[in-house]
Amino acid sequence: MTTAPNLIVLAGFLPEFQIGATVRLKSGSPTMTVTAVEDRHVEVHWFEGDVGMQKIFPVAALKAISKSRREQDETVCGRSSQDKAG
């Protein structure tokens, strides 16, 4: 793969996501689940209402969502961890 002459890729500075991690676009998006990772791209899935969505994004466009933040989001959406367990 060739790199543009003015582009420097610093592999050690890109985040690494594991399958199952929850992420968001840095510019803002719904919470998404990582389903595949290849090179510097990540496949994610999420729901818009009852419709499942899927897309591939560059790793650099995503940020990880912490567990506490994910739980806050689920509570705001009307779902709590107790609802999912029962």
C-alpha atoms as a PDB file:
ATOM      1  CA  MET A   1       0.000   0.000   0.000  1.00  0.00           C
ATOM      2  CA  THR A   2       1.359   3.416  -0.872  1.00  0.00           C
ATOM      3  CA  THR A   3       1.009   6.422   1.363  1.00  0.00           C
ATOM      4  CA  ALA A   4       0.426   9.967   0.161  1.00  0.00           C
ATOM      5  CA  PRO A   5       3.723  11.884   0.290  1.00  0.00           C
ATOM      6  CA  ASN A   6       2.532  14.408   2.903  1.00  0.00           C
ATOM      7  CA  LEU A   7       0.777  11.836   5.068  1.00  0.00           C
ATOM      8  CA  ILE A   8       2.594  10.225   7.965  1.00  0.00           C
ATOM      9  CA  VAL A   9       0.920   7.196   9.508  1.00  0.00           C
ATOM     10  CA  LEU A  10       1.944   6.666  13.107  1.00  0.00           C
ATOM     11  CA  ALA A  11       0.595   3.176  13.760  1.00  0.00           C
ATOM     12  CA  GLY A  12       1.394   3.328  17.469  1.00  0.00           C
ATOM     13  CA  PHE A  13      -0.850   6.372  17.882  1.00  0.00           C
ATOM     14  CA  LEU A  14      -4.019   4.858  16.419  1.00  0.00           C
ATOM     15  CA  PRO A  15      -6.416   3.331  18.954  1.00  0.00           C
ATOM     16  CA  GLU A  16      -6.889  -0.418  18.886  1.00  0.00           C
ATOM     17  CA  PHE A  17     -10.418  -1.745  19.221  1.00  0.00           C
ATOM     18  CA  GLN A  18     -11.408  -5.279  20.163  1.00  0.00           C
ATOM     19  CA  ILE A  19     -14.448  -7.036  18.719  1.00  0.00           C
ATOM     20  CA  GLY A  20     -17.368  -6.289  21.026  1.00  0.00           C
ATOM     21  CA  ALA A  21     -16.058  -2.874  22.091  1.00  0.00           C
ATOM     22  CA  THR A  22     -18.503   0.014  22.056  1.00  0.00           C
ATOM     23  CA  VAL A  23     -17.484   3.106  20.135  1.00  0.00           C
ATOM     24  CA  ARG A  24     -18.749   6.389  18.715  1.00  0.00           C
ATOM     25  CA  LEU A  25     -17.632   8.599  15.899  1.00  0.00           C
ATOM     26  CA  LYS A  26     -15.467  11.434  17.211  1.00  0.00           C
ATOM     27  CA  SER A  27     -17.846  13.819  15.436  1.00  0.00           C
ATOM     28  CA  GLY A  28     -20.841  12.267  17.230  1.00  0.00           C
ATOM     29  CA  SER A  29     -23.000   9.214  16.544  1.00  0.00           C
ATOM     30  CA  PRO A  30     -25.101   6.571  18.249  1.00  0.00           C
ATOM     31  CA  THR A  31     -23.265   3.995  20.342  1.00  0.00           C
ATOM     32  CA  MET A  32     -21.964   1.296  17.982  1.00  0.00           C
ATOM     33  CA  THR A  33     -20.511  -2.186  18.540  1.00  0.00           C
ATOM     34  CA  VAL A  34     -17.281  -3.261  16.841  1.00  0.00           C
ATOM     35  CA  THR A  35     -17.862  -6.484  14.872  1.00  0.00           C
ATOM     36  CA  ALA A  36     -14.676  -6.710  12.795  1.00  0.00           C
ATOM     37  CA  VAL A  37     -11.248  -5.087  12.674  1.00  0.00           C
ATOM     38  CA  GLU A  38      -8.981  -5.101   9.642  1.00  0.00           C
ATOM     39  CA  ASP A  39      -5.854  -3.019   9.163  1.00  0.00           C
ATOM     40  CA  ARG A  40      -6.895   0.572   9.972  1.00  0.00           C
ATOM     41  CA  HIS A  41     -10.643   0.065   9.510  1.00  0.00           C
ATOM     42  CA  VAL A  42     -13.380  -1.113  11.854  1.00  0.00           C
ATOM     43  CA  GLU A  43     -16.776  -2.572  10.999  1.00  0.00           C
ATOM     44  CA  VAL A  44     -19.499  -1.503  13.411  1.00  0.00           C
ATOM     45  CA  HIS A  45     -23.188  -2.283  13.948  1.00  0.00           C
ATOM     46  CA  TRP A  46     -25.889  -0.233  15.676  1.00  0.00           C
ATOM     47  CA  PHE A  47     -29.649   0.206  15.663  1.00  0.00           C
ATOM     48  CA  GLU A  48     -31.756   3.095  14.439  1.00  0.00           C
ATOM     49  CA  GLY A  49     -35.103   2.253  15.983  1.00  0.00           C
ATOM     50  CA  ASP A  50     -35.731  -1.388  15.059  1.00  0.00           C
ATOM     51  CA  VAL A  51     -33.462  -1.282  12.005  1.00  0.00           C
ATOM     52  CA  GLY A  52     -29.975  -2.749  12.287  1.00  0.00           C
ATOM     53  CA  MET A  53     -27.273  -0.688  10.590  1.00  0.00           C
ATOM     54  CA  GLN A  54     -23.705  -1.583   9.575  1.00  0.00           C
ATOM     55  CA  LYS A  55     -20.789   0.465   8.272  1.00  0.00           C
ATOM     56  CA  ILE A  56     -16.998   0.455   8.030  1.00  0.00           C
ATOM     57  CA  PHE A  57     -15.071   3.426   9.447  1.00  0.00           C
ATOM     58  CA  PRO A  58     -11.390   4.331   9.699  1.00  0.00           C
ATOM     59  CA  VAL A  59     -10.007   3.654  13.178  1.00  0.00           C
ATOM     60  CA  ALA A  60      -8.963   7.313  13.459  1.00  0.00           C
ATOM     61  CA  ALA A  61     -12.626   8.419  13.215  1.00  0.00           C
ATOM     62  CA  LEU A  62     -13.734   6.444  16.289  1.00  0.00           C
ATOM     63  CA  LYS A  63     -13.407   6.778  20.046  1.00  0.00           C
ATOM     64  CA  ALA A  64     -14.045   4.117  22.682  1.00  0.00           C
ATOM     65  CA  ILE A  65     -17.014   4.454  25.025  1.00  0.00           C
ATOM     66  CA  SER A  66     -16.335   3.650  28.671  1.00  0.00           C
ATOM     67  CA  LYS A  67     -18.552   1.181  30.511  1.00  0.00           C
ATOM     68  CA  SER A  68     -19.902   3.882  32.847  1.00  0.00           C
ATOM     69  CA  ARG A  69     -20.772   6.140  29.883  1.00  0.00           C
ATOM     70  CA  ARG A  70     -22.475   3.222  28.096  1.00  0.00           C
ATOM     71  CA  GLU A  71     -24.595   2.516  31.185  1.00  0.00           C
ATOM     72  CA  GLN A  72     -25.581   6.212  31.384  1.00  0.00           C
ATOM     73  CA  ASP A  73     -26.631   6.139  27.721  1.00  0.00           C
ATOM     74  CA  GLU A  74     -28.723   3.006  28.248  1.00  0.00           C
ATOM     75  CA  THR A  75     -30.486   4.549  31.248  1.00  0.00           C
ATOM     76  CA  VAL A  76     -31.295   7.684  29.215  1.00  0.00           C
ATOM     77  CA  CYS A  77     -32.701   5.456  26.463  1.00  0.00           C
ATOM     78  CA  GLY A  78     -35.015   3.784  28.977  1.00  0.00           C
ATOM     79  CA  ARG A  79     -33.020   0.602  29.361  1.00  0.00           C
ATOM     80  CA  SER A  80     -31.106  -0.286  32.464  1.00  0.00           C
ATOM     81  CA  SER A  81     -28.725  -3.183  33.085  1.00  0.00           C
ATOM     82  CA  GLN A  82     -31.452  -4.684  35.309  1.00  0.00           C
ATOM     83  CA  ASP A  83     -33.917  -4.623  32.395  1.00  0.00           C
ATOM     84  CA  LYS A  84     -31.494  -6.594  30.232  1.00  0.00           C
ATOM     85  CA  ALA A  85     -30.799  -9.175  32.946  1.00  0.00           C
ATOM     86  CA  GLY A  86     -34.491  -9.899  33.623  1.00  0.00           C
END
